[in-house]
Amino acid sequence: MKIRYKSYEEVDKELEILRLEREISIRKIGNNAEDITQLFSPSNLLQQGLTSFGSSVKNSKGIKTLVLSTVFKFLFNKFIKKNKHQL
């Protein structure tokens, strides 16, 4: 379908609309690129990983027991070593 313009003003108006639509599209692409960059940033990936791990531990008694026992063993060994050096 061909558009017929009656004046140069109509052409200029249409060109201005197209220019603005193009600028909006370019900004949307830029915003999407920033969002993707933020999504895959190391800090965000670490946070998502820790959140996922935390949910797994929270929902699993076996994993929870394993993690807690490992942490307690580590802390107990640190405490024992610290007290041996003081004697």
N, C-alpha and C. Protein backbone atom coordinates (compact mmCIF):
# COMPACT_ATOMS: atom_id res chain seq x y z
N MET A 1 0.84 -1.17 0.00
CA MET A 1 0.00 0.00 0.00
C MET A 1 0.88 1.24 0.00
N LYS A 2 0.73 2.05 -1.01
CA LYS A 2 1.52 3.27 -1.12
C LYS A 2 0.83 4.40 -0.37
N ILE A 3 1.66 5.17 0.32
CA ILE A 3 1.14 6.34 1.02
C ILE A 3 1.36 7.54 0.12
N ARG A 4 0.35 8.31 -0.04
CA ARG A 4 0.46 9.52 -0.85
C ARG A 4 0.41 10.72 0.07
N TYR A 5 1.44 11.49 -0.04
CA TYR A 5 1.53 12.70 0.78
C TYR A 5 1.07 13.89 -0.04
N LYS A 6 0.42 14.83 0.63
CA LYS A 6 -0.10 16.00 -0.08
C LYS A 6 0.83 17.20 0.05
N SER A 7 1.75 17.10 1.03
CA SER A 7 2.66 18.24 1.20
C SER A 7 3.97 17.74 1.82
N TYR A 8 4.97 18.61 1.75
CA TYR A 8 6.26 18.29 2.37
C TYR A 8 6.14 18.24 3.89
N GLU A 9 5.21 18.98 4.44
CA GLU A 9 4.99 18.96 5.89
C GLU A 9 4.56 17.57 6.35
N GLU A 10 3.70 16.91 5.57
CA GLU A 10 3.27 15.55 5.91
C GLU A 10 4.47 14.59 5.86
N VAL A 11 5.31 14.76 4.86
CA VAL A 11 6.49 13.92 4.72
C VAL A 11 7.42 14.15 5.91
N ASP A 12 7.66 15.42 6.25
CA ASP A 12 8.53 15.75 7.38
C ASP A 12 7.97 15.18 8.68
N LYS A 13 6.66 15.27 8.86
CA LYS A 13 6.03 14.74 10.07
C LYS A 13 6.22 13.22 10.15
N GLU A 14 5.99 12.55 9.04
CA GLU A 14 6.16 11.09 9.00
C GLU A 14 7.62 10.71 9.27
N LEU A 15 8.57 11.45 8.70
CA LEU A 15 9.99 11.18 8.94
C LEU A 15 10.36 11.39 10.41
N GLU A 16 9.79 12.41 11.03
CA GLU A 16 10.05 12.67 12.44
C GLU A 16 9.50 11.53 13.30
N ILE A 17 8.32 11.04 12.98
CA ILE A 17 7.73 9.92 13.71
C ILE A 17 8.62 8.68 13.57
N LEU A 18 9.07 8.40 12.37
CA LEU A 18 9.93 7.25 12.14
C LEU A 18 11.27 7.39 12.87
N ARG A 19 11.81 8.61 12.90
CA ARG A 19 13.07 8.85 13.61
C ARG A 19 12.90 8.59 15.11
N LEU A 20 11.80 9.07 15.67
CA LEU A 20 11.53 8.86 17.10
C LEU A 20 11.30 7.38 17.42
N GLU A 21 10.58 6.68 16.56
CA GLU A 21 10.37 5.25 16.76
C GLU A 21 11.69 4.49 16.71
N ARG A 22 12.56 4.89 15.80
CA ARG A 22 13.88 4.27 15.70
C ARG A 22 14.69 4.53 16.96
N GLU A 23 14.67 5.74 17.46
CA GLU A 23 15.41 6.09 18.68
C GLU A 23 14.88 5.28 19.88
N ILE A 24 13.57 5.15 19.98
CA ILE A 24 12.98 4.36 21.06
C ILE A 24 13.43 2.91 20.97
N SER A 25 13.43 2.36 19.78
CA SER A 25 13.86 0.97 19.59
C SER A 25 15.32 0.78 19.97
N ILE A 26 16.16 1.72 19.61
CA ILE A 26 17.59 1.65 19.94
C ILE A 26 17.77 1.71 21.46
N ARG A 27 17.04 2.57 22.13
CA ARG A 27 17.13 2.66 23.59
C ARG A 27 16.65 1.37 24.26
N LYS A 28 15.59 0.77 23.72
CA LYS A 28 15.11 -0.49 24.27
C LYS A 28 16.17 -1.58 24.14
N ILE A 29 16.84 -1.61 23.00
CA ILE A 29 17.91 -2.59 22.80
C ILE A 29 19.03 -2.35 23.81
N GLY A 30 19.38 -1.08 24.02
CA GLY A 30 20.41 -0.75 25.00
C GLY A 30 20.02 -1.16 26.40
N ASN A 31 18.78 -0.91 26.76
CA ASN A 31 18.29 -1.31 28.09
C ASN A 31 18.30 -2.83 28.25
N ASN A 32 17.89 -3.54 27.20
CA ASN A 32 17.89 -5.00 27.26
C ASN A 32 19.32 -5.53 27.40
N ALA A 33 20.27 -4.92 26.70
CA ALA A 33 21.66 -5.34 26.81
C ALA A 33 22.18 -5.11 28.23
N GLU A 34 21.82 -3.98 28.84
CA GLU A 34 22.23 -3.71 30.23
C GLU A 34 21.61 -4.73 31.18
N ASP A 35 20.34 -5.06 30.95
CA ASP A 35 19.66 -6.04 31.81
C ASP A 35 20.35 -7.41 31.71
N ILE A 36 20.70 -7.80 30.50
CA ILE A 36 21.36 -9.09 30.30
C ILE A 36 22.74 -9.08 30.95
N THR A 37 23.47 -7.99 30.79
CA THR A 37 24.79 -7.86 31.41
C THR A 37 24.67 -7.98 32.92
N GLN A 38 23.69 -7.29 33.50
CA GLN A 38 23.48 -7.35 34.96
C GLN A 38 23.08 -8.75 35.39
N LEU A 39 22.25 -9.41 34.60
CA LEU A 39 21.78 -10.75 34.93
C LEU A 39 22.93 -11.75 35.03
N PHE A 40 23.92 -11.60 34.14
CA PHE A 40 25.04 -12.52 34.11
C PHE A 40 26.30 -11.97 34.77
N SER A 41 26.15 -10.94 35.59
CA SER A 41 27.30 -10.40 36.31
C SER A 41 27.73 -11.42 37.38
N PRO A 42 29.03 -11.45 37.69
CA PRO A 42 29.51 -12.42 38.69
C PRO A 42 28.79 -12.30 40.03
N SER A 43 28.53 -11.09 40.48
CA SER A 43 27.87 -10.93 41.78
C SER A 43 26.44 -11.49 41.75
N ASN A 44 25.73 -11.27 40.66
CA ASN A 44 24.36 -11.77 40.55
C ASN A 44 24.35 -13.30 40.43
N LEU A 45 25.29 -13.86 39.66
CA LEU A 45 25.36 -15.31 39.54
C LEU A 45 25.69 -15.95 40.89
N LEU A 46 26.60 -15.33 41.64
CA LEU A 46 26.94 -15.84 42.97
C LEU A 46 25.73 -15.78 43.89
N GLN A 47 25.03 -14.66 43.86
CA GLN A 47 23.85 -14.51 44.70
C GLN A 47 22.79 -15.55 44.36
N GLN A 48 22.56 -15.76 43.07
CA GLN A 48 21.56 -16.75 42.65
C GLN A 48 21.99 -18.15 43.06
N GLY A 49 23.29 -18.44 42.94
CA GLY A 49 23.80 -19.75 43.33
C GLY A 49 23.63 -19.99 44.82
N LEU A 50 23.98 -18.98 45.62
CA LEU A 50 23.84 -19.13 47.07
C LEU A 50 22.37 -19.26 47.48
N THR A 51 21.52 -18.51 46.82
CA THR A 51 20.09 -18.60 47.11
C THR A 51 19.57 -20.00 46.79
N SER A 52 19.97 -20.52 45.65
CA SER A 52 19.56 -21.86 45.25
C SER A 52 20.09 -22.90 46.22
N PHE A 53 21.36 -22.77 46.60
CA PHE A 53 21.95 -23.70 47.55
C PHE A 53 21.24 -23.62 48.90
N GLY A 54 20.95 -22.40 49.33
CA GLY A 54 20.24 -22.21 50.59
C GLY A 54 18.87 -22.87 50.57
N SER A 55 18.16 -22.74 49.46
CA SER A 55 16.85 -23.38 49.34
C SER A 55 16.97 -24.90 49.37
N SER A 56 18.01 -25.42 48.73
CA SER A 56 18.22 -26.87 48.73
C SER A 56 18.49 -27.37 50.14
N VAL A 57 19.34 -26.64 50.86
CA VAL A 57 19.68 -27.04 52.23
C VAL A 57 18.44 -26.95 53.11
N LYS A 58 17.67 -25.89 52.94
CA LYS A 58 16.48 -25.68 53.76
C LYS A 58 15.47 -26.80 53.57
N ASN A 59 15.35 -27.28 52.34
CA ASN A 59 14.34 -28.29 52.02
C ASN A 59 14.82 -29.72 52.14
N SER A 60 16.09 -29.93 52.48
CA SER A 60 16.62 -31.28 52.56
C SER A 60 17.27 -31.52 53.91
N LYS A 61 16.74 -32.47 54.65
CA LYS A 61 17.29 -32.77 55.97
C LYS A 61 18.68 -33.37 55.85
N GLY A 62 18.90 -34.22 54.86
CA GLY A 62 20.21 -34.86 54.68
C GLY A 62 21.30 -33.85 54.40
N ILE A 63 21.05 -32.95 53.49
CA ILE A 63 22.04 -31.92 53.15
C ILE A 63 22.24 -30.99 54.33
N LYS A 64 21.15 -30.64 55.00
CA LYS A 64 21.24 -29.75 56.15
C LYS A 64 22.13 -30.37 57.23
N THR A 65 21.92 -31.63 57.49
CA THR A 65 22.72 -32.33 58.50
C THR A 65 24.19 -32.38 58.09
N LEU A 66 24.44 -32.68 56.83
CA LEU A 66 25.81 -32.74 56.33
C LEU A 66 26.51 -31.39 56.47
N VAL A 67 25.84 -30.33 56.03
CA VAL A 67 26.44 -28.99 56.09
C VAL A 67 26.68 -28.58 57.54
N LEU A 68 25.70 -28.77 58.39
CA LEU A 68 25.86 -28.37 59.79
C LEU A 68 26.95 -29.17 60.49
N SER A 69 27.01 -30.46 60.22
CA SER A 69 28.05 -31.26 60.87
C SER A 69 29.43 -30.85 60.38
N THR A 70 29.56 -30.55 59.10
CA THR A 70 30.85 -30.09 58.57
C THR A 70 31.25 -28.77 59.19
N VAL A 71 30.33 -27.85 59.30
CA VAL A 71 30.62 -26.54 59.90
C VAL A 71 31.02 -26.72 61.36
N PHE A 72 30.29 -27.53 62.09
CA PHE A 72 30.61 -27.74 63.51
C PHE A 72 31.97 -28.41 63.68
N LYS A 73 32.29 -29.39 62.83
CA LYS A 73 33.61 -30.03 62.90
C LYS A 73 34.71 -29.01 62.64
N PHE A 74 34.51 -28.18 61.64
CA PHE A 74 35.50 -27.15 61.32
C PHE A 74 35.70 -26.21 62.50
N LEU A 75 34.61 -25.72 63.07
CA LEU A 75 34.70 -24.80 64.20
C LEU A 75 35.31 -25.49 65.43
N PHE A 76 34.94 -26.74 65.68
CA PHE A 76 35.47 -27.48 66.80
C PHE A 76 36.98 -27.66 66.66
N ASN A 77 37.44 -28.05 65.46
CA ASN A 77 38.87 -28.21 65.21
C ASN A 77 39.62 -26.90 65.38
N LYS A 78 39.06 -25.80 64.93
CA LYS A 78 39.68 -24.49 65.10
C LYS A 78 39.81 -24.16 66.59
N PHE A 79 38.75 -24.43 67.34
CA PHE A 79 38.73 -24.14 68.77
C PHE A 79 39.78 -25.00 69.49
N ILE A 80 39.87 -26.28 69.14
CA ILE A 80 40.84 -27.19 69.76
C ILE A 80 42.26 -26.72 69.45
N LYS A 81 42.54 -26.40 68.20
CA LYS A 81 43.88 -25.95 67.82
C LYS A 81 44.25 -24.66 68.54
N LYS A 82 43.30 -23.76 68.68
CA LYS A 82 43.55 -22.49 69.35
C LYS A 82 43.89 -22.73 70.82
N ASN A 83 43.17 -23.62 71.46
CA ASN A 83 43.40 -23.91 72.88
C ASN A 83 44.71 -24.67 73.08
N LYS A 84 45.12 -25.51 72.13
CA LYS A 84 46.40 -26.23 72.25
C LYS A 84 47.56 -25.25 72.21
N HIS A 85 47.47 -24.21 71.38
CA HIS A 85 48.56 -23.23 71.27
C HIS A 85 48.67 -22.39 72.53
N GLN A 86 47.59 -22.22 73.23
CA GLN A 86 47.60 -21.40 74.45
C GLN A 86 48.21 -22.17 75.62
N LEU A 87 48.18 -23.50 75.58
CA LEU A 87 48.72 -24.33 76.68
C LEU A 87 50.16 -24.37 76.56
